[in-house]
Amino acid sequence: MAYVTGLTRGKKEWTPQFVNAIDDELCIGCGRCFKICAHDVLAPKEVDEEESAKMFITVANPENCIGCEACGRTCKKGAFSFEPIAA
């Protein structure tokens, strides 16, 4: 299968990896990924549990993702999964 690729400034081939999902079992809601994303891809979400509320991050606008993976690199819990787009 062929994937959409681009070039880096140094003319090396690069395949963007777009955010696919965030594992809400791993996400602790720290917000680092939300703060680093400049393209309004992510959004905080609060879930009421029995005794307390838990905040985590969701993929709110996947169509805005540019495939840079900055969100995943800032995630200490490894909650992000990424995939390229097929050509």
PDB file of N, CA and C in Angstrom:
ATOM      1  N   MET A   1       0.848  -1.174   0.000  1.00  0.00           N
ATOM      2  CA  MET A   1       0.000   0.000   0.000  1.00  0.00           C
ATOM      3  C   MET A   1       0.901   1.247   0.000  1.00  0.00           C
ATOM      4  N   ALA A   2       0.574   2.209  -0.795  1.00  0.00           N
ATOM      5  CA  ALA A   2       1.336   3.462  -0.865  1.00  0.00           C
ATOM      6  C   ALA A   2       0.726   4.483   0.090  1.00  0.00           C
ATOM      7  N   TYR A   3       1.582   5.273   0.705  1.00  0.00           N
ATOM      8  CA  TYR A   3       1.135   6.296   1.640  1.00  0.00           C
ATOM      9  C   TYR A   3       1.509   7.673   1.127  1.00  0.00           C
ATOM     10  N   VAL A   4       0.763   8.673   1.563  1.00  0.00           N
ATOM     11  CA  VAL A   4       1.062  10.055   1.230  1.00  0.00           C
ATOM     12  C   VAL A   4       2.379  10.424   1.908  1.00  0.00           C
ATOM     13  N   THR A   5       3.336  10.925   1.138  1.00  0.00           N
ATOM     14  CA  THR A   5       4.627  11.307   1.686  1.00  0.00           C
ATOM     15  C   THR A   5       4.949  12.740   1.312  1.00  0.00           C
ATOM     16  N   GLY A   6       5.930  13.283   1.958  1.00  0.00           N
ATOM     17  CA  GLY A   6       6.405  14.628   1.677  1.00  0.00           C
ATOM     18  C   GLY A   6       7.914  14.650   1.810  1.00  0.00           C
ATOM     19  N   LEU A   7       8.470  15.848   1.769  1.00  0.00           N
ATOM     20  CA  LEU A   7       9.914  16.004   1.925  1.00  0.00           C
ATOM     21  C   LEU A   7      10.211  16.925   3.098  1.00  0.00           C
ATOM     22  N   THR A   8      11.297  16.626   3.791  1.00  0.00           N
ATOM     23  CA  THR A   8      11.767  17.531   4.832  1.00  0.00           C
ATOM     24  C   THR A   8      12.520  18.673   4.167  1.00  0.00           C
ATOM     25  N   ARG A   9      12.892  19.627   4.933  1.00  0.00           N
ATOM     26  CA  ARG A   9      13.666  20.751   4.402  1.00  0.00           C
ATOM     27  C   ARG A   9      14.985  20.279   3.795  1.00  0.00           C
ATOM     28  N   GLY A  10      15.536  19.215   4.354  1.00  0.00           N
ATOM     29  CA  GLY A  10      16.777  18.634   3.847  1.00  0.00           C
ATOM     30  C   GLY A  10      16.561  17.662   2.695  1.00  0.00           C
ATOM     31  N   LYS A  11      15.350  17.648   2.139  1.00  0.00           N
ATOM     32  CA  LYS A  11      14.988  16.822   0.972  1.00  0.00           C
ATOM     33  C   LYS A  11      14.916  15.322   1.263  1.00  0.00           C
ATOM     34  N   LYS A  12      14.732  14.959   2.536  1.00  0.00           N
ATOM     35  CA  LYS A  12      14.542  13.554   2.882  1.00  0.00           C
ATOM     36  C   LYS A  12      13.044  13.250   2.840  1.00  0.00           C
ATOM     37  N   GLU A  13      12.701  12.057   2.356  1.00  0.00           N
ATOM     38  CA  GLU A  13      11.302  11.667   2.299  1.00  0.00           C
ATOM     39  C   GLU A  13      10.753  11.472   3.707  1.00  0.00           C
ATOM     40  N   TRP A  14       9.517  11.901   3.909  1.00  0.00           N
ATOM     41  CA  TRP A  14       8.879  11.848   5.220  1.00  0.00           C
ATOM     42  C   TRP A  14       7.421  11.449   5.045  1.00  0.00           C
ATOM     43  N   THR A  15       6.962  10.501   5.852  1.00  0.00           N
ATOM     44  CA  THR A  15       5.566  10.083   5.833  1.00  0.00           C
ATOM     45  C   THR A  15       4.888  10.596   7.094  1.00  0.00           C
ATOM     46  N   PRO A  16       3.972  11.570   6.962  1.00  0.00           N
ATOM     47  CA  PRO A  16       3.271  12.085   8.137  1.00  0.00           C
ATOM     48  C   PRO A  16       2.478  10.970   8.834  1.00  0.00           C
ATOM     49  N   GLN A  17       2.484  11.000  10.141  1.00  0.00           N
ATOM     50  CA  GLN A  17       1.734  10.038  10.948  1.00  0.00           C
ATOM     51  C   GLN A  17       0.630  10.818  11.671  1.00  0.00           C
ATOM     52  N   PHE A  18      -0.595  10.606  11.256  1.00  0.00           N
ATOM     53  CA  PHE A  18      -1.730  11.358  11.786  1.00  0.00           C
ATOM     54  C   PHE A  18      -2.303  10.672  13.019  1.00  0.00           C
ATOM     55  N   VAL A  19      -2.748  11.488  13.976  1.00  0.00           N
ATOM     56  CA  VAL A  19      -3.305  10.929  15.205  1.00  0.00           C
ATOM     57  C   VAL A  19      -4.523  10.082  14.855  1.00  0.00           C
ATOM     58  N   ASN A  20      -4.524   8.869  15.368  1.00  0.00           N
ATOM     59  CA  ASN A  20      -5.600   7.923  15.115  1.00  0.00           C
ATOM     60  C   ASN A  20      -6.525   7.830  16.331  1.00  0.00           C
ATOM     61  N   ALA A  21      -5.930   7.728  17.516  1.00  0.00           N
ATOM     62  CA  ALA A  21      -6.719   7.572  18.733  1.00  0.00           C
ATOM     63  C   ALA A  21      -5.872   7.893  19.958  1.00  0.00           C
ATOM     64  N   ILE A  22      -6.563   8.137  21.066  1.00  0.00           N
ATOM     65  CA  ILE A  22      -5.925   8.313  22.370  1.00  0.00           C
ATOM     66  C   ILE A  22      -6.553   7.285  23.302  1.00  0.00           C
ATOM     67  N   ASP A  23      -5.737   6.475  23.918  1.00  0.00           N
ATOM     68  CA  ASP A  23      -6.224   5.450  24.845  1.00  0.00           C
ATOM     69  C   ASP A  23      -6.633   6.126  26.151  1.00  0.00           C
ATOM     70  N   ASP A  24      -7.928   6.166  26.423  1.00  0.00           N
ATOM     71  CA  ASP A  24      -8.397   6.859  27.626  1.00  0.00           C
ATOM     72  C   ASP A  24      -8.069   6.111  28.913  1.00  0.00           C
ATOM     73  N   GLU A  25      -7.626   4.874  28.797  1.00  0.00           N
ATOM     74  CA  GLU A  25      -7.148   4.139  29.975  1.00  0.00           C
ATOM     75  C   GLU A  25      -5.740   4.594  30.358  1.00  0.00           C
ATOM     76  N   LEU A  26      -4.951   5.024  29.367  1.00  0.00           N
ATOM     77  CA  LEU A  26      -3.590   5.487  29.626  1.00  0.00           C
ATOM     78  C   LEU A  26      -3.527   6.988  29.879  1.00  0.00           C
ATOM     79  N   CYS A  27      -4.405   7.749  29.254  1.00  0.00           N
ATOM     80  CA  CYS A  27      -4.399   9.209  29.370  1.00  0.00           C
ATOM     81  C   CYS A  27      -4.717   9.623  30.811  1.00  0.00           C
ATOM     82  N   ILE A  28      -3.878  10.506  31.365  1.00  0.00           N
ATOM     83  CA  ILE A  28      -4.104  10.997  32.728  1.00  0.00           C
ATOM     84  C   ILE A  28      -4.633  12.421  32.749  1.00  0.00           C
ATOM     85  N   GLY A  29      -4.868  12.997  31.568  1.00  0.00           N
ATOM     86  CA  GLY A  29      -5.450  14.329  31.483  1.00  0.00           C
ATOM     87  C   GLY A  29      -4.522  15.461  31.867  1.00  0.00           C
ATOM     88  N   CYS A  30      -3.221  15.266  31.703  1.00  0.00           N
ATOM     89  CA  CYS A  30      -2.264  16.306  32.100  1.00  0.00           C
ATOM     90  C   CYS A  30      -2.340  17.537  31.194  1.00  0.00           C
ATOM     91  N   GLY A  31      -2.775  17.364  29.944  1.00  0.00           N
ATOM     92  CA  GLY A  31      -2.955  18.478  29.027  1.00  0.00           C
ATOM     93  C   GLY A  31      -1.722  18.889  28.243  1.00  0.00           C
ATOM     94  N   ARG A  32      -0.607  18.198  28.395  1.00  0.00           N
ATOM     95  CA  ARG A  32       0.605  18.559  27.642  1.00  0.00           C
ATOM     96  C   ARG A  32       0.360  18.503  26.135  1.00  0.00           C
ATOM     97  N   CYS A  33      -0.295  17.474  25.684  1.00  0.00           N
ATOM     98  CA  CYS A  33      -0.570  17.319  24.251  1.00  0.00           C
ATOM     99  C   CYS A  33      -1.498  18.428  23.761  1.00  0.00           C
ATOM    100  N   PHE A  34      -2.497  18.754  24.555  1.00  0.00           N
ATOM    101  CA  PHE A  34      -3.449  19.808  24.208  1.00  0.00           C
ATOM    102  C   PHE A  34      -2.738  21.150  24.047  1.00  0.00           C
ATOM    103  N   LYS A  35      -1.797  21.420  24.934  1.00  0.00           N
ATOM    104  CA  LYS A  35      -1.054  22.683  24.882  1.00  0.00           C
ATOM    105  C   LYS A  35      -0.100  22.753  23.701  1.00  0.00           C
ATOM    106  N   ILE A  36       0.480  21.628  23.293  1.00  0.00           N
ATOM    107  CA  ILE A  36       1.478  21.630  22.222  1.00  0.00           C
ATOM    108  C   ILE A  36       0.845  21.672  20.831  1.00  0.00           C
ATOM    109  N   CYS A  37      -0.374  21.218  20.687  1.00  0.00           N
ATOM    110  CA  CYS A  37      -1.020  21.161  19.368  1.00  0.00           C
ATOM    111  C   CYS A  37      -1.529  22.548  18.970  1.00  0.00           C
ATOM    112  N   ALA A  38      -0.977  23.062  17.878  1.00  0.00           N
ATOM    113  CA  ALA A  38      -1.351  24.393  17.392  1.00  0.00           C
ATOM    114  C   ALA A  38      -2.469  24.343  16.352  1.00  0.00           C
ATOM    115  N   HIS A  39      -3.053  23.166  16.135  1.00  0.00           N
ATOM    116  CA  HIS A  39      -4.017  23.014  15.052  1.00  0.00           C
ATOM    117  C   HIS A  39      -5.413  22.622  15.525  1.00  0.00           C
ATOM    118  N   ASP A  40      -5.693  22.782  16.807  1.00  0.00           N
ATOM    119  CA  ASP A  40      -7.024  22.533  17.366  1.00  0.00           C
ATOM    120  C   ASP A  40      -7.527  21.113  17.065  1.00  0.00           C
ATOM    121  N   VAL A  41      -6.626  20.144  17.179  1.00  0.00           N
ATOM    122  CA  VAL A  41      -6.991  18.751  16.935  1.00  0.00           C
ATOM    123  C   VAL A  41      -7.580  18.128  18.203  1.00  0.00           C
ATOM    124  N   LEU A  42      -7.031  18.490  19.352  1.00  0.00           N
ATOM    125  CA  LEU A  42      -7.385  17.856  20.625  1.00  0.00           C
ATOM    126  C   LEU A  42      -8.289  18.743  21.474  1.00  0.00           C
ATOM    127  N   ALA A  43      -9.020  18.093  22.384  1.00  0.00           N
ATOM    128  CA  ALA A  43      -9.879  18.828  23.316  1.00  0.00           C
ATOM    129  C   ALA A  43      -9.966  18.061  24.632  1.00  0.00           C
ATOM    130  N   PRO A  44     -10.050  18.789  25.747  1.00  0.00           N
ATOM    131  CA  PRO A  44     -10.240  18.109  27.030  1.00  0.00           C
ATOM    132  C   PRO A  44     -11.682  17.616  27.155  1.00  0.00           C
ATOM    133  N   LYS A  45     -11.833  16.516  27.871  1.00  0.00           N
ATOM    134  CA  LYS A  45     -13.164  15.961  28.110  1.00  0.00           C
ATOM    135  C   LYS A  45     -13.212  15.469  29.547  1.00  0.00           C
ATOM    136  N   GLU A  46     -14.284  15.782  30.231  1.00  0.00           N
ATOM    137  CA  GLU A  46     -14.440  15.350  31.613  1.00  0.00           C
ATOM    138  C   GLU A  46     -15.480  14.240  31.675  1.00  0.00           C
ATOM    139  N   VAL A  47     -15.150  13.201  32.417  1.00  0.00           N
ATOM    140  CA  VAL A  47     -16.062  12.079  32.596  1.00  0.00           C
ATOM    141  C   VAL A  47     -16.341  11.944  34.081  1.00  0.00           C
ATOM    142  N   ASP A  48     -17.608  11.932  34.438  1.00  0.00           N
ATOM    143  CA  ASP A  48     -17.985  11.751  35.840  1.00  0.00           C
ATOM    144  C   ASP A  48     -17.959  10.265  36.169  1.00  0.00           C
ATOM    145  N   GLU A  49     -17.119   9.935  37.129  1.00  0.00           N
ATOM    146  CA  GLU A  49     -17.088   8.570  37.627  1.00  0.00           C
ATOM    147  C   GLU A  49     -17.853   8.544  38.935  1.00  0.00           C
ATOM    148  N   GLU A  50     -17.943   7.409  39.577  1.00  0.00           N
ATOM    149  CA  GLU A  50     -18.773   7.266  40.768  1.00  0.00           C
ATOM    150  C   GLU A  50     -18.469   8.285  41.856  1.00  0.00           C
ATOM    151  N   GLU A  51     -17.204   8.450  42.219  1.00  0.00           N
ATOM    152  CA  GLU A  51     -16.867   9.332  43.324  1.00  0.00           C
ATOM    153  C   GLU A  51     -16.149  10.605  42.896  1.00  0.00           C
ATOM    154  N   SER A  52     -15.650  10.652  41.679  1.00  0.00           N
ATOM    155  CA  SER A  52     -14.923  11.842  41.233  1.00  0.00           C
ATOM    156  C   SER A  52     -14.994  11.963  39.712  1.00  0.00           C
ATOM    157  N   ALA A  53     -14.580  13.112  39.224  1.00  0.00           N
ATOM    158  CA  ALA A  53     -14.539  13.337  37.782  1.00  0.00           C
ATOM    159  C   ALA A  53     -13.113  13.120  37.295  1.00  0.00           C
ATOM    160  N   LYS A  54     -12.998  12.596  36.101  1.00  0.00           N
ATOM    161  CA  LYS A  54     -11.685  12.392  35.494  1.00  0.00           C
ATOM    162  C   LYS A  54     -11.638  13.183  34.191  1.00  0.00           C
ATOM    163  N   MET A  55     -10.536  13.894  33.986  1.00  0.00           N
ATOM    164  CA  MET A  55     -10.363  14.615  32.744  1.00  0.00           C
ATOM    165  C   MET A  55      -9.386  13.854  31.879  1.00  0.00           C
ATOM    166  N   PHE A  56      -9.672  13.766  30.592  1.00  0.00           N
ATOM    167  CA  PHE A  56      -8.719  13.217  29.646  1.00  0.00           C
ATOM    168  C   PHE A  56      -8.873  13.968  28.335  1.00  0.00           C
ATOM    169  N   ILE A  57      -7.999  13.694  27.399  1.00  0.00           N
ATOM    170  CA  ILE A  57      -7.972  14.405  26.138  1.00  0.00           C
ATOM    171  C   ILE A  57      -8.574  13.528  25.046  1.00  0.00           C
ATOM    172  N   THR A  58      -9.324  14.138  24.135  1.00  0.00           N
ATOM    173  CA  THR A  58      -9.928  13.419  23.020  1.00  0.00           C
ATOM    174  C   THR A  58      -9.471  14.024  21.687  1.00  0.00           C
ATOM    175  N   VAL A  59      -9.622  13.250  20.633  1.00  0.00           N
ATOM    176  CA  VAL A  59      -9.351  13.747  19.280  1.00  0.00           C
ATOM    177  C   VAL A  59     -10.646  14.384  18.798  1.00  0.00           C
ATOM    178  N   ALA A  60     -10.739  15.707  18.924  1.00  0.00           N
ATOM    179  CA  ALA A  60     -11.964  16.424  18.608  1.00  0.00           C
ATOM    180  C   ALA A  60     -12.074  16.791  17.134  1.00  0.00           C
ATOM    181  N   ASN A  61     -10.960  17.146  16.506  1.00  0.00           N
ATOM    182  CA  ASN A  61     -10.960  17.595  15.112  1.00  0.00           C
ATOM    183  C   ASN A  61      -9.848  16.896  14.331  1.00  0.00           C
ATOM    184  N   PRO A  62     -10.004  15.605  14.041  1.00  0.00           N
ATOM    185  CA  PRO A  62      -8.934  14.859  13.371  1.00  0.00           C
ATOM    186  C   PRO A  62      -8.582  15.423  11.996  1.00  0.00           C
ATOM    187  N   GLU A  63      -9.520  16.091  11.356  1.00  0.00           N
ATOM    188  CA  GLU A  63      -9.263  16.656  10.028  1.00  0.00           C
ATOM    189  C   GLU A  63      -8.256  17.801  10.060  1.00  0.00           C
ATOM    190  N   ASN A  64      -7.977  18.351  11.240  1.00  0.00           N
ATOM    191  CA  ASN A  64      -6.995  19.430  11.385  1.00  0.00           C
ATOM    192  C   ASN A  64      -5.564  18.924  11.564  1.00  0.00           C
ATOM    193  N   CYS A  65      -5.401  17.635  11.815  1.00  0.00           N
ATOM    194  CA  CYS A  65      -4.071  17.070  12.100  1.00  0.00           C
ATOM    195  C   CYS A  65      -3.160  17.184  10.882  1.00  0.00           C
ATOM    196  N   ILE A  66      -1.915  17.649  11.107  1.00  0.00           N
ATOM    197  CA  ILE A  66      -0.940  17.765  10.021  1.00  0.00           C
ATOM    198  C   ILE A  66       0.081  16.629  10.045  1.00  0.00           C
ATOM    199  N   GLY A  67      -0.028  15.715  10.995  1.00  0.00           N
ATOM    200  CA  GLY A  67       0.841  14.540  11.036  1.00  0.00           C
ATOM    201  C   GLY A  67       2.210  14.755  11.643  1.00  0.00           C
ATOM    202  N   CYS A  68       2.363  15.761  12.490  1.00  0.00           N
ATOM    203  CA  CYS A  68       3.682  16.073  13.062  1.00  0.00           C
ATOM    204  C   CYS A  68       4.044  15.198  14.264  1.00  0.00           C
ATOM    205  N   GLU A  69       3.075  14.599  14.910  1.00  0.00           N
ATOM    206  CA  GLU A  69       3.238  13.731  16.083  1.00  0.00           C
ATOM    207  C   GLU A  69       3.751  14.443  17.330  1.00  0.00           C
ATOM    208  N   ALA A  70       3.684  15.765  17.376  1.00  0.00           N
ATOM    209  CA  ALA A  70       4.145  16.501  18.558  1.00  0.00           C
ATOM    210  C   ALA A  70       3.355  16.081  19.794  1.00  0.00           C
ATOM    211  N   CYS A  71       2.072  15.854  19.640  1.00  0.00           N
ATOM    212  CA  CYS A  71       1.230  15.458  20.775  1.00  0.00           C
ATOM    213  C   CYS A  71       1.717  14.143  21.380  1.00  0.00           C
ATOM    214  N   GLY A  72       2.020  13.182  20.546  1.00  0.00           N
ATOM    215  CA  GLY A  72       2.483  11.883  21.019  1.00  0.00           C
ATOM    216  C   GLY A  72       3.850  11.936  21.667  1.00  0.00           C
ATOM    217  N   ARG A  73       4.718  12.808  21.164  1.00  0.00           N
ATOM    218  CA  ARG A  73       6.056  12.935  21.755  1.00  0.00           C
ATOM    219  C   ARG A  73       5.990  13.574  23.135  1.00  0.00           C
ATOM    220  N   THR A  74       4.978  14.382  23.421  1.00  0.00           N
ATOM    221  CA  THR A  74       4.870  15.005  24.740  1.00  0.00           C
ATOM    222  C   THR A  74       4.152  14.106  25.749  1.00  0.00           C
ATOM    223  N   CYS A  75       3.525  13.047  25.270  1.00  0.00           N
ATOM    224  CA  CYS A  75       2.741  12.166  26.143  1.00  0.00           C
ATOM    225  C   CYS A  75       3.654  11.180  26.875  1.00  0.00           C
ATOM    226  N   LYS A  76       3.787  11.353  28.184  1.00  0.00           N
ATOM    227  CA  LYS A  76       4.640  10.482  29.005  1.00  0.00           C
ATOM    228  C   LYS A  76       4.051   9.082  29.174  1.00  0.00           C
ATOM    229  N   LYS A  77       2.750   8.935  28.925  1.00  0.00           N
ATOM    230  CA  LYS A  77       2.077   7.648  29.128  1.00  0.00           C
ATOM    231  C   LYS A  77       1.955   6.820  27.854  1.00  0.00           C
ATOM    232  N   GLY A  78       2.325   7.379  26.710  1.00  0.00           N
ATOM    233  CA  GLY A  78       2.237   6.632  25.452  1.00  0.00           C
ATOM    234  C   GLY A  78       0.805   6.331  25.048  1.00  0.00           C
ATOM    235  N   ALA A  79      -0.100   7.269  25.287  1.00  0.00           N
ATOM    236  CA  ALA A  79      -1.520   7.044  25.039  1.00  0.00           C
ATOM    237  C   ALA A  79      -1.939   7.219  23.583  1.00  0.00           C
ATOM    238  N   PHE A  80      -1.069   7.778  22.749  1.00  0.00           N
ATOM    239  CA  PHE A  80      -1.429   8.087  21.363  1.00  0.00           C
ATOM    240  C   PHE A  80      -1.109   6.953  20.408  1.00  0.00           C
ATOM    241  N   SER A  81      -1.956   6.797  19.405  1.00  0.00           N
ATOM    242  CA  SER A  81      -1.635   5.926  18.275  1.00  0.00           C
ATOM    243  C   SER A  81      -1.768   6.765  17.006  1.00  0.00           C
ATOM    244  N   PHE A  82      -0.923   6.455  16.032  1.00  0.00           N
ATOM    245  CA  PHE A  82      -0.844   7.230  14.794  1.00  0.00           C
ATOM    246  C   PHE A  82      -0.895   6.294  13.613  1.00  0.00           C
ATOM    247  N   GLU A  83      -1.271   6.836  12.438  1.00  0.00           N
ATOM    248  CA  GLU A  83      -1.237   6.076  11.205  1.00  0.00           C
ATOM    249  C   GLU A  83      -1.063   7.026  10.018  1.00  0.00           C
ATOM    250  N   PRO A  84      -0.405   6.553   8.972  1.00  0.00           N
ATOM    251  CA  PRO A  84      -0.276   7.364   7.767  1.00  0.00           C
ATOM    252  C   PRO A  84      -1.589   7.325   6.988  1.00  0.00           C
ATOM    253  N   ILE A  85      -1.720   8.187   6.010  1.00  0.00           N
ATOM    254  CA  ILE A  85      -2.896   8.174   5.140  1.00  0.00           C
ATOM    255  C   ILE A  85      -2.499   7.497   3.833  1.00  0.00           C
ATOM    256  N   ALA A  86      -3.316   6.557   3.412  1.00  0.00           N
ATOM    257  CA  ALA A  86      -3.050   5.853   2.153  1.00  0.00           C
ATOM    258  C   ALA A  86      -3.288   6.784   0.973  1.00  0.00           C
ATOM    259  N   ALA A  87      -2.427   6.666  -0.025  1.00  0.00           N
ATOM    260  CA  ALA A  87      -2.546   7.497  -1.226  1.00  0.00           C
ATOM    261  C   ALA A  87      -3.665   7.007  -2.109  1.00  0.00           C
TER     262      ALA A  87
END
